Amino acid sequence: MRIQSKQNFWSGVMFVFLGLFFAGFAVDYQMGTAAKMGPGYFPFWLGVILAILGAIIGISGLSPKAEPTEIPKLNLKTTGIILGNVVLFGILLRPLGVYVSAFLLVLLSSMASHEFKWKVAIINGICLVVAVHLIFIVGLGLIFPLWPSFLGLN
């Protein structure tokens, strides 16, 4: 059996391992039932579903009908920019608030793209800030510092 689509095969393998990893840790928590879920129920089933989807994707990479693909060489500069910006987001969250930090995360991470455009990055940043507000603040009711602490708006 020959790997036809290396992207599908290796991403499937990664999903299987990640799914099994999280499902394995979730069994240490109380599972509960579908009607009364315990803290381990959701991560366990999410991990199982991820592993199943990974297996399907990985097996599809072995199919003779799969489009032949190669895995491009890892670009360390791009990876460093994106990972560095995620770390920067965590550092800036408390002093700058979630809105400014999320906007900066998108704006600075967009610079890793070979097709970077300021207008698109700014629009994406605004859309993410609106999504963060609606999902985490309004929907889930989480408490984050919203604006920079020096403005006194929180």
N, C-alpha and C. Protein backbone atom coordinates (compact mmCIF):
# COMPACT_ATOMS: atom_id res chain seq x y z
N MET A 1 0.84 -1.17 0.00
CA MET A 1 0.00 0.00 0.00
C MET A 1 0.89 1.24 0.00
N ARG A 2 0.63 2.15 -0.91
CA ARG A 2 1.45 3.34 -1.09
C ARG A 2 0.67 4.57 -0.64
N ILE A 3 1.35 5.52 0.02
CA ILE A 3 0.70 6.76 0.44
C ILE A 3 0.57 7.65 -0.79
N GLN A 4 -0.66 7.89 -1.20
CA GLN A 4 -0.91 8.72 -2.38
C GLN A 4 -0.92 10.21 -1.98
N SER A 5 -1.71 10.56 -0.98
CA SER A 5 -1.80 11.94 -0.50
C SER A 5 -1.12 12.02 0.86
N LYS A 6 0.11 12.50 0.88
CA LYS A 6 0.86 12.56 2.13
C LYS A 6 0.25 13.55 3.11
N GLN A 7 -0.34 14.63 2.58
CA GLN A 7 -1.00 15.60 3.47
C GLN A 7 -2.15 14.94 4.22
N ASN A 8 -3.01 14.24 3.51
CA ASN A 8 -4.15 13.58 4.16
C ASN A 8 -3.68 12.50 5.12
N PHE A 9 -2.74 11.71 4.70
CA PHE A 9 -2.29 10.60 5.55
C PHE A 9 -1.71 11.11 6.86
N TRP A 10 -0.75 12.04 6.79
CA TRP A 10 -0.08 12.48 8.00
C TRP A 10 -0.95 13.39 8.87
N SER A 11 -1.86 14.16 8.27
CA SER A 11 -2.79 14.93 9.10
C SER A 11 -3.75 13.98 9.80
N GLY A 12 -4.17 12.91 9.11
CA GLY A 12 -5.02 11.90 9.75
C GLY A 12 -4.32 11.24 10.92
N VAL A 13 -3.06 10.90 10.75
CA VAL A 13 -2.28 10.29 11.84
C VAL A 13 -2.20 11.26 13.03
N MET A 14 -1.97 12.53 12.75
CA MET A 14 -1.89 13.54 13.82
C MET A 14 -3.23 13.63 14.56
N PHE A 15 -4.36 13.65 13.82
CA PHE A 15 -5.67 13.74 14.45
C PHE A 15 -5.97 12.51 15.30
N VAL A 16 -5.58 11.34 14.82
CA VAL A 16 -5.79 10.11 15.60
C VAL A 16 -5.03 10.20 16.92
N PHE A 17 -3.76 10.57 16.87
CA PHE A 17 -2.96 10.64 18.10
C PHE A 17 -3.49 11.72 19.05
N LEU A 18 -3.85 12.90 18.53
CA LEU A 18 -4.39 13.95 19.39
C LEU A 18 -5.71 13.52 20.01
N GLY A 19 -6.59 12.92 19.21
CA GLY A 19 -7.87 12.45 19.73
C GLY A 19 -7.71 11.42 20.82
N LEU A 20 -6.83 10.44 20.59
CA LEU A 20 -6.60 9.40 21.60
C LEU A 20 -5.93 9.96 22.84
N PHE A 21 -5.04 10.93 22.66
CA PHE A 21 -4.36 11.58 23.77
C PHE A 21 -5.38 12.25 24.70
N PHE A 22 -6.26 13.08 24.12
CA PHE A 22 -7.23 13.78 24.95
C PHE A 22 -8.30 12.85 25.51
N ALA A 23 -8.73 11.88 24.73
CA ALA A 23 -9.70 10.90 25.25
C ALA A 23 -9.09 10.10 26.40
N GLY A 24 -7.80 9.78 26.28
CA GLY A 24 -7.12 9.03 27.33
C GLY A 24 -7.05 9.80 28.64
N PHE A 25 -6.80 11.10 28.57
CA PHE A 25 -6.77 11.90 29.79
C PHE A 25 -8.17 12.16 30.34
N ALA A 26 -9.16 12.19 29.46
CA ALA A 26 -10.53 12.47 29.90
C ALA A 26 -11.10 11.34 30.75
N VAL A 27 -10.62 10.12 30.57
CA VAL A 27 -11.18 9.00 31.35
C VAL A 27 -10.81 9.10 32.83
N ASP A 28 -9.85 9.96 33.17
CA ASP A 28 -9.50 10.16 34.58
C ASP A 28 -10.55 11.00 35.31
N TYR A 29 -11.43 11.65 34.56
CA TYR A 29 -12.49 12.46 35.14
C TYR A 29 -13.80 11.67 35.15
N GLN A 30 -14.72 12.12 35.99
CA GLN A 30 -16.03 11.47 36.06
C GLN A 30 -16.75 11.68 34.72
N MET A 31 -17.27 10.59 34.15
CA MET A 31 -17.91 10.66 32.83
C MET A 31 -19.36 11.11 32.90
N GLY A 32 -20.13 10.57 33.79
CA GLY A 32 -21.55 10.88 33.85
C GLY A 32 -22.28 10.20 32.70
N THR A 33 -23.44 10.73 32.34
CA THR A 33 -24.24 10.19 31.25
C THR A 33 -24.55 11.30 30.27
N ALA A 34 -25.20 10.96 29.16
CA ALA A 34 -25.57 11.98 28.18
C ALA A 34 -26.56 12.98 28.79
N ALA A 35 -27.41 12.51 29.69
CA ALA A 35 -28.39 13.39 30.33
C ALA A 35 -27.76 14.25 31.43
N LYS A 36 -26.76 13.70 32.11
CA LYS A 36 -26.09 14.43 33.19
C LYS A 36 -24.59 14.24 33.01
N MET A 37 -24.01 15.11 32.21
CA MET A 37 -22.61 14.96 31.82
C MET A 37 -21.66 15.34 32.95
N GLY A 38 -20.63 14.53 33.10
CA GLY A 38 -19.56 14.84 34.03
C GLY A 38 -18.47 15.61 33.30
N PRO A 39 -17.42 16.03 34.02
CA PRO A 39 -16.36 16.83 33.39
C PRO A 39 -15.56 16.08 32.33
N GLY A 40 -15.60 14.76 32.33
CA GLY A 40 -14.84 14.00 31.34
C GLY A 40 -15.63 13.62 30.11
N TYR A 41 -16.93 13.80 30.15
CA TYR A 41 -17.80 13.33 29.06
C TYR A 41 -17.49 14.03 27.73
N PHE A 42 -17.53 15.35 27.72
CA PHE A 42 -17.33 16.09 26.47
C PHE A 42 -15.93 15.91 25.90
N PRO A 43 -14.85 16.07 26.69
CA PRO A 43 -13.52 15.87 26.10
C PRO A 43 -13.29 14.44 25.62
N PHE A 44 -13.87 13.46 26.31
CA PHE A 44 -13.70 12.07 25.89
C PHE A 44 -14.32 11.86 24.51
N TRP A 45 -15.57 12.23 24.36
CA TRP A 45 -16.25 12.00 23.08
C TRP A 45 -15.70 12.88 21.97
N LEU A 46 -15.26 14.07 22.31
CA LEU A 46 -14.62 14.92 21.31
C LEU A 46 -13.32 14.28 20.82
N GLY A 47 -12.55 13.71 21.74
CA GLY A 47 -11.32 13.00 21.37
C GLY A 47 -11.60 11.77 20.52
N VAL A 48 -12.64 11.03 20.88
CA VAL A 48 -13.00 9.83 20.10
C VAL A 48 -13.42 10.23 18.68
N ILE A 49 -14.25 11.26 18.57
CA ILE A 49 -14.69 11.72 17.24
C ILE A 49 -13.51 12.21 16.43
N LEU A 50 -12.59 12.95 17.07
CA LEU A 50 -11.39 13.43 16.36
C LEU A 50 -10.55 12.26 15.86
N ALA A 51 -10.41 11.22 16.68
CA ALA A 51 -9.63 10.04 16.27
C ALA A 51 -10.31 9.32 15.11
N ILE A 52 -11.62 9.21 15.14
CA ILE A 52 -12.34 8.55 14.04
C ILE A 52 -12.21 9.35 12.75
N LEU A 53 -12.40 10.66 12.84
CA LEU A 53 -12.23 11.50 11.65
C LEU A 53 -10.80 11.43 11.13
N GLY A 54 -9.83 11.40 12.04
CA GLY A 54 -8.44 11.27 11.64
C GLY A 54 -8.17 9.97 10.91
N ALA A 55 -8.77 8.89 11.40
CA ALA A 55 -8.60 7.60 10.72
C ALA A 55 -9.20 7.64 9.32
N ILE A 56 -10.36 8.25 9.19
CA ILE A 56 -10.99 8.36 7.86
C ILE A 56 -10.12 9.19 6.92
N ILE A 57 -9.62 10.31 7.41
CA ILE A 57 -8.76 11.17 6.58
C ILE A 57 -7.47 10.46 6.23
N GLY A 58 -6.86 9.80 7.21
CA GLY A 58 -5.61 9.08 6.96
C GLY A 58 -5.77 7.95 5.95
N ILE A 59 -6.85 7.20 6.08
CA ILE A 59 -7.10 6.11 5.13
C ILE A 59 -7.39 6.65 3.74
N SER A 60 -8.06 7.81 3.67
CA SER A 60 -8.33 8.40 2.35
C SER A 60 -7.02 8.77 1.63
N GLY A 61 -5.97 9.05 2.39
CA GLY A 61 -4.68 9.35 1.79
C GLY A 61 -4.01 8.14 1.16
N LEU A 62 -4.49 6.94 1.51
CA LEU A 62 -3.95 5.71 0.94
C LEU A 62 -4.69 5.28 -0.32
N SER A 63 -5.84 5.87 -0.57
CA SER A 63 -6.66 5.48 -1.72
C SER A 63 -5.96 5.80 -3.03
N PRO A 64 -6.02 4.87 -4.00
CA PRO A 64 -5.42 5.17 -5.31
C PRO A 64 -6.10 6.33 -6.02
N LYS A 65 -7.33 6.65 -5.62
CA LYS A 65 -8.06 7.76 -6.24
C LYS A 65 -7.71 9.11 -5.62
N ALA A 66 -6.96 9.10 -4.52
CA ALA A 66 -6.61 10.35 -3.84
C ALA A 66 -5.68 11.18 -4.72
N GLU A 67 -5.84 12.49 -4.62
CA GLU A 67 -4.98 13.40 -5.38
C GLU A 67 -3.57 13.35 -4.79
N PRO A 68 -2.57 13.07 -5.60
CA PRO A 68 -1.20 13.00 -5.07
C PRO A 68 -0.74 14.37 -4.55
N THR A 69 -0.32 14.39 -3.31
CA THR A 69 0.19 15.63 -2.71
C THR A 69 1.45 15.33 -1.92
N GLU A 70 2.26 16.32 -1.79
CA GLU A 70 3.47 16.25 -0.97
C GLU A 70 3.30 17.21 0.20
N ILE A 71 4.09 17.03 1.21
CA ILE A 71 4.08 17.94 2.35
C ILE A 71 5.18 18.96 2.12
N PRO A 72 4.80 20.25 2.08
CA PRO A 72 5.84 21.27 1.86
C PRO A 72 6.78 21.35 3.07
N LYS A 73 7.97 21.85 2.79
CA LYS A 73 8.97 22.01 3.84
C LYS A 73 8.46 23.00 4.89
N LEU A 74 8.73 22.72 6.16
CA LEU A 74 8.29 23.58 7.25
C LEU A 74 9.03 24.92 7.18
N ASN A 75 8.27 25.99 7.17
CA ASN A 75 8.84 27.33 7.14
C ASN A 75 8.97 27.80 8.59
N LEU A 76 10.18 27.78 9.12
CA LEU A 76 10.40 28.11 10.52
C LEU A 76 10.09 29.57 10.84
N LYS A 77 10.33 30.46 9.88
CA LYS A 77 10.06 31.89 10.11
C LYS A 77 8.56 32.10 10.32
N THR A 78 7.74 31.55 9.44
CA THR A 78 6.29 31.69 9.55
C THR A 78 5.78 31.04 10.82
N THR A 79 6.26 29.85 11.13
CA THR A 79 5.85 29.15 12.36
C THR A 79 6.24 29.97 13.58
N GLY A 80 7.43 30.52 13.58
CA GLY A 80 7.88 31.35 14.70
C GLY A 80 7.04 32.60 14.88
N ILE A 81 6.66 33.24 13.77
CA ILE A 81 5.82 34.44 13.85
C ILE A 81 4.48 34.10 14.49
N ILE A 82 3.86 33.03 14.03
CA ILE A 82 2.53 32.67 14.53
C ILE A 82 2.59 32.24 15.99
N LEU A 83 3.52 31.35 16.34
CA LEU A 83 3.64 30.91 17.74
C LEU A 83 4.03 32.08 18.66
N GLY A 84 4.92 32.94 18.18
CA GLY A 84 5.32 34.11 18.97
C GLY A 84 4.15 35.04 19.23
N ASN A 85 3.27 35.18 18.25
CA ASN A 85 2.11 36.05 18.43
C ASN A 85 1.09 35.45 19.40
N VAL A 86 0.98 34.14 19.43
CA VAL A 86 0.08 33.50 20.40
C VAL A 86 0.63 33.72 21.82
N VAL A 87 1.93 33.60 21.99
CA VAL A 87 2.55 33.86 23.29
C VAL A 87 2.37 35.33 23.67
N LEU A 88 2.57 36.22 22.69
CA LEU A 88 2.39 37.65 22.93
C LEU A 88 0.95 37.96 23.35
N PHE A 89 -0.02 37.29 22.73
CA PHE A 89 -1.42 37.46 23.12
C PHE A 89 -1.61 37.14 24.60
N GLY A 90 -1.03 36.02 25.04
CA GLY A 90 -1.15 35.64 26.45
C GLY A 90 -0.51 36.65 27.38
N ILE A 91 0.60 37.22 26.95
CA ILE A 91 1.30 38.21 27.78
C ILE A 91 0.52 39.52 27.84
N LEU A 92 -0.06 39.92 26.71
CA LEU A 92 -0.73 41.22 26.62
C LEU A 92 -2.18 41.20 27.07
N LEU A 93 -2.76 40.02 27.29
CA LEU A 93 -4.18 39.93 27.61
C LEU A 93 -4.55 40.74 28.85
N ARG A 94 -3.80 40.59 29.92
CA ARG A 94 -4.15 41.30 31.16
C ARG A 94 -3.93 42.82 31.03
N PRO A 95 -2.78 43.29 30.56
CA PRO A 95 -2.62 44.76 30.53
C PRO A 95 -3.41 45.45 29.40
N LEU A 96 -3.62 44.79 28.25
CA LEU A 96 -4.30 45.46 27.14
C LEU A 96 -5.75 45.06 26.95
N GLY A 97 -6.18 44.01 27.62
CA GLY A 97 -7.57 43.57 27.48
C GLY A 97 -7.73 42.66 26.28
N VAL A 98 -8.87 41.97 26.26
CA VAL A 98 -9.11 40.96 25.24
C VAL A 98 -9.33 41.57 23.85
N TYR A 99 -9.95 42.74 23.78
CA TYR A 99 -10.24 43.33 22.47
C TYR A 99 -8.95 43.73 21.74
N VAL A 100 -8.10 44.47 22.41
CA VAL A 100 -6.86 44.94 21.77
C VAL A 100 -5.92 43.76 21.52
N SER A 101 -5.83 42.83 22.49
CA SER A 101 -4.94 41.68 22.34
C SER A 101 -5.36 40.79 21.18
N ALA A 102 -6.66 40.52 21.05
CA ALA A 102 -7.15 39.68 19.95
C ALA A 102 -6.93 40.37 18.61
N PHE A 103 -7.17 41.67 18.57
CA PHE A 103 -6.94 42.41 17.32
C PHE A 103 -5.47 42.35 16.92
N LEU A 104 -4.57 42.57 17.88
CA LEU A 104 -3.13 42.50 17.59
C LEU A 104 -2.71 41.10 17.17
N LEU A 105 -3.29 40.07 17.79
CA LEU A 105 -2.97 38.69 17.42
C LEU A 105 -3.24 38.46 15.94
N VAL A 106 -4.41 38.87 15.47
CA VAL A 106 -4.77 38.67 14.06
C VAL A 106 -3.90 39.52 13.16
N LEU A 107 -3.73 40.78 13.53
CA LEU A 107 -2.96 41.70 12.69
C LEU A 107 -1.50 41.24 12.53
N LEU A 108 -0.86 40.90 13.64
CA LEU A 108 0.54 40.50 13.58
C LEU A 108 0.71 39.10 12.97
N SER A 109 -0.21 38.19 13.24
CA SER A 109 -0.13 36.85 12.65
C SER A 109 -0.37 36.89 11.15
N SER A 110 -1.18 37.83 10.70
CA SER A 110 -1.42 37.97 9.27
C SER A 110 -0.15 38.31 8.50
N MET A 111 0.79 38.93 9.18
CA MET A 111 2.05 39.30 8.53
C MET A 111 2.87 38.08 8.14
N ALA A 112 2.53 36.92 8.67
CA ALA A 112 3.24 35.69 8.30
C ALA A 112 2.84 35.22 6.90
N SER A 113 1.74 35.73 6.38
CA SER A 113 1.25 35.31 5.07
C SER A 113 2.07 35.95 3.95
N HIS A 114 2.22 35.19 2.86
CA HIS A 114 2.90 35.73 1.69
C HIS A 114 1.99 36.69 0.94
N GLU A 115 0.69 36.67 1.25
CA GLU A 115 -0.29 37.53 0.58
C GLU A 115 -0.84 38.58 1.54
N PHE A 116 -0.02 39.07 2.46
CA PHE A 116 -0.45 40.01 3.49
C PHE A 116 -0.94 41.31 2.87
N LYS A 117 -2.11 41.76 3.33
CA LYS A 117 -2.67 43.06 2.95
C LYS A 117 -3.24 43.68 4.22
N TRP A 118 -2.90 44.96 4.47
CA TRP A 118 -3.33 45.64 5.68
C TRP A 118 -4.84 45.67 5.81
N LYS A 119 -5.53 46.00 4.72
CA LYS A 119 -6.98 46.14 4.76
C LYS A 119 -7.64 44.82 5.19
N VAL A 120 -7.22 43.72 4.60
CA VAL A 120 -7.78 42.41 4.92
C VAL A 120 -7.46 42.05 6.37
N ALA A 121 -6.24 42.32 6.81
CA ALA A 121 -5.85 41.99 8.18
C ALA A 121 -6.67 42.79 9.19
N ILE A 122 -6.92 44.04 8.91
CA ILE A 122 -7.71 44.89 9.82
C ILE A 122 -9.16 44.41 9.88
N ILE A 123 -9.72 44.09 8.72
CA ILE A 123 -11.10 43.58 8.69
C ILE A 123 -11.20 42.25 9.45
N ASN A 124 -10.23 41.35 9.23
CA ASN A 124 -10.22 40.08 9.96
C ASN A 124 -10.08 40.30 11.46
N GLY A 125 -9.24 41.25 11.86
CA GLY A 125 -9.08 41.56 13.28
C GLY A 125 -10.36 42.06 13.91
N ILE A 126 -11.06 42.94 13.22
CA ILE A 126 -12.34 43.45 13.72
C ILE A 126 -13.36 42.33 13.83
N CYS A 127 -13.41 41.47 12.82
CA CYS A 127 -14.35 40.34 12.84
C CYS A 127 -14.05 39.41 14.02
N LEU A 128 -12.77 39.15 14.30
CA LEU A 128 -12.43 38.28 15.42
C LEU A 128 -12.80 38.93 16.74
N VAL A 129 -12.60 40.22 16.88
CA VAL A 129 -12.96 40.90 18.13
C VAL A 129 -14.46 40.82 18.35
N VAL A 130 -15.25 41.01 17.30
CA VAL A 130 -16.71 40.89 17.42
C VAL A 130 -17.09 39.46 17.79
N ALA A 131 -16.45 38.47 17.15
CA ALA A 131 -16.74 37.06 17.46
C ALA A 131 -16.36 36.73 18.89
N VAL A 132 -15.21 37.21 19.36
CA VAL A 132 -14.77 36.97 20.73
C VAL A 132 -15.79 37.57 21.70
N HIS A 133 -16.25 38.77 21.41
CA HIS A 133 -17.24 39.42 22.27
C HIS A 133 -18.53 38.60 22.33
N LEU A 134 -19.04 38.23 21.16
CA LEU A 134 -20.32 37.50 21.12
C LEU A 134 -20.23 36.11 21.74
N ILE A 135 -19.13 35.40 21.48
CA ILE A 135 -19.01 34.02 21.96
C ILE A 135 -18.64 33.98 23.44
N PHE A 136 -17.57 34.66 23.82
CA PHE A 136 -17.03 34.50 25.16
C PHE A 136 -17.64 35.44 26.20
N ILE A 137 -17.93 36.67 25.80
CA ILE A 137 -18.44 37.63 26.77
C ILE A 137 -19.97 37.52 26.88
N VAL A 138 -20.66 37.63 25.73
CA VAL A 138 -22.12 37.57 25.74
C VAL A 138 -22.61 36.13 25.91
N GLY A 139 -22.15 35.22 25.05
CA GLY A 139 -22.66 33.86 25.04
C GLY A 139 -22.30 33.05 26.27
N LEU A 140 -21.03 33.02 26.62
CA LEU A 140 -20.58 32.19 27.75
C LEU A 140 -20.47 32.96 29.06
N GLY A 141 -20.52 34.28 28.99
CA GLY A 141 -20.47 35.08 30.21
C GLY A 141 -19.12 35.05 30.92
N LEU A 142 -18.05 34.81 30.17
CA LEU A 142 -16.72 34.76 30.79
C LEU A 142 -16.26 36.16 31.16
N ILE A 143 -15.44 36.23 32.18
CA ILE A 143 -14.95 37.52 32.66
C ILE A 143 -13.50 37.68 32.25
N PHE A 144 -13.26 38.59 31.35
CA PHE A 144 -11.92 38.95 30.90
C PHE A 144 -11.77 40.45 31.06
N PRO A 145 -10.54 40.94 31.21
CA PRO A 145 -10.37 42.39 31.08
C PRO A 145 -10.63 42.75 29.61
N LEU A 146 -11.58 43.64 29.37
CA LEU A 146 -11.99 43.93 28.00
C LEU A 146 -11.11 44.98 27.33
N TRP A 147 -10.77 46.03 28.05
CA TRP A 147 -10.01 47.14 27.48
C TRP A 147 -8.69 47.29 28.24
N PRO A 148 -7.75 48.05 27.70
CA PRO A 148 -6.49 48.26 28.43
C PRO A 148 -6.75 48.80 29.84
N SER A 149 -6.00 48.26 30.79
CA SER A 149 -6.23 48.62 32.21
C SER A 149 -6.01 50.10 32.48
N PHE A 150 -5.12 50.74 31.75
CA PHE A 150 -4.83 52.15 32.00
C PHE A 150 -5.96 53.08 31.57
N LEU A 151 -6.95 52.57 30.79
CA LEU A 151 -8.09 53.38 30.39
C LEU A 151 -9.18 53.41 31.46
N GLY A 152 -9.17 52.41 32.36
CA GLY A 152 -10.15 52.34 33.43
C GLY A 152 -11.57 52.07 32.96
N LEU A 153 -11.74 51.38 31.82
CA LEU A 153 -13.07 51.12 31.25
C LEU A 153 -13.64 49.78 31.66
N ASN A 154 -12.89 48.91 32.32
CA ASN A 154 -13.36 47.56 32.63
C ASN A 154 -14.38 47.53 33.70
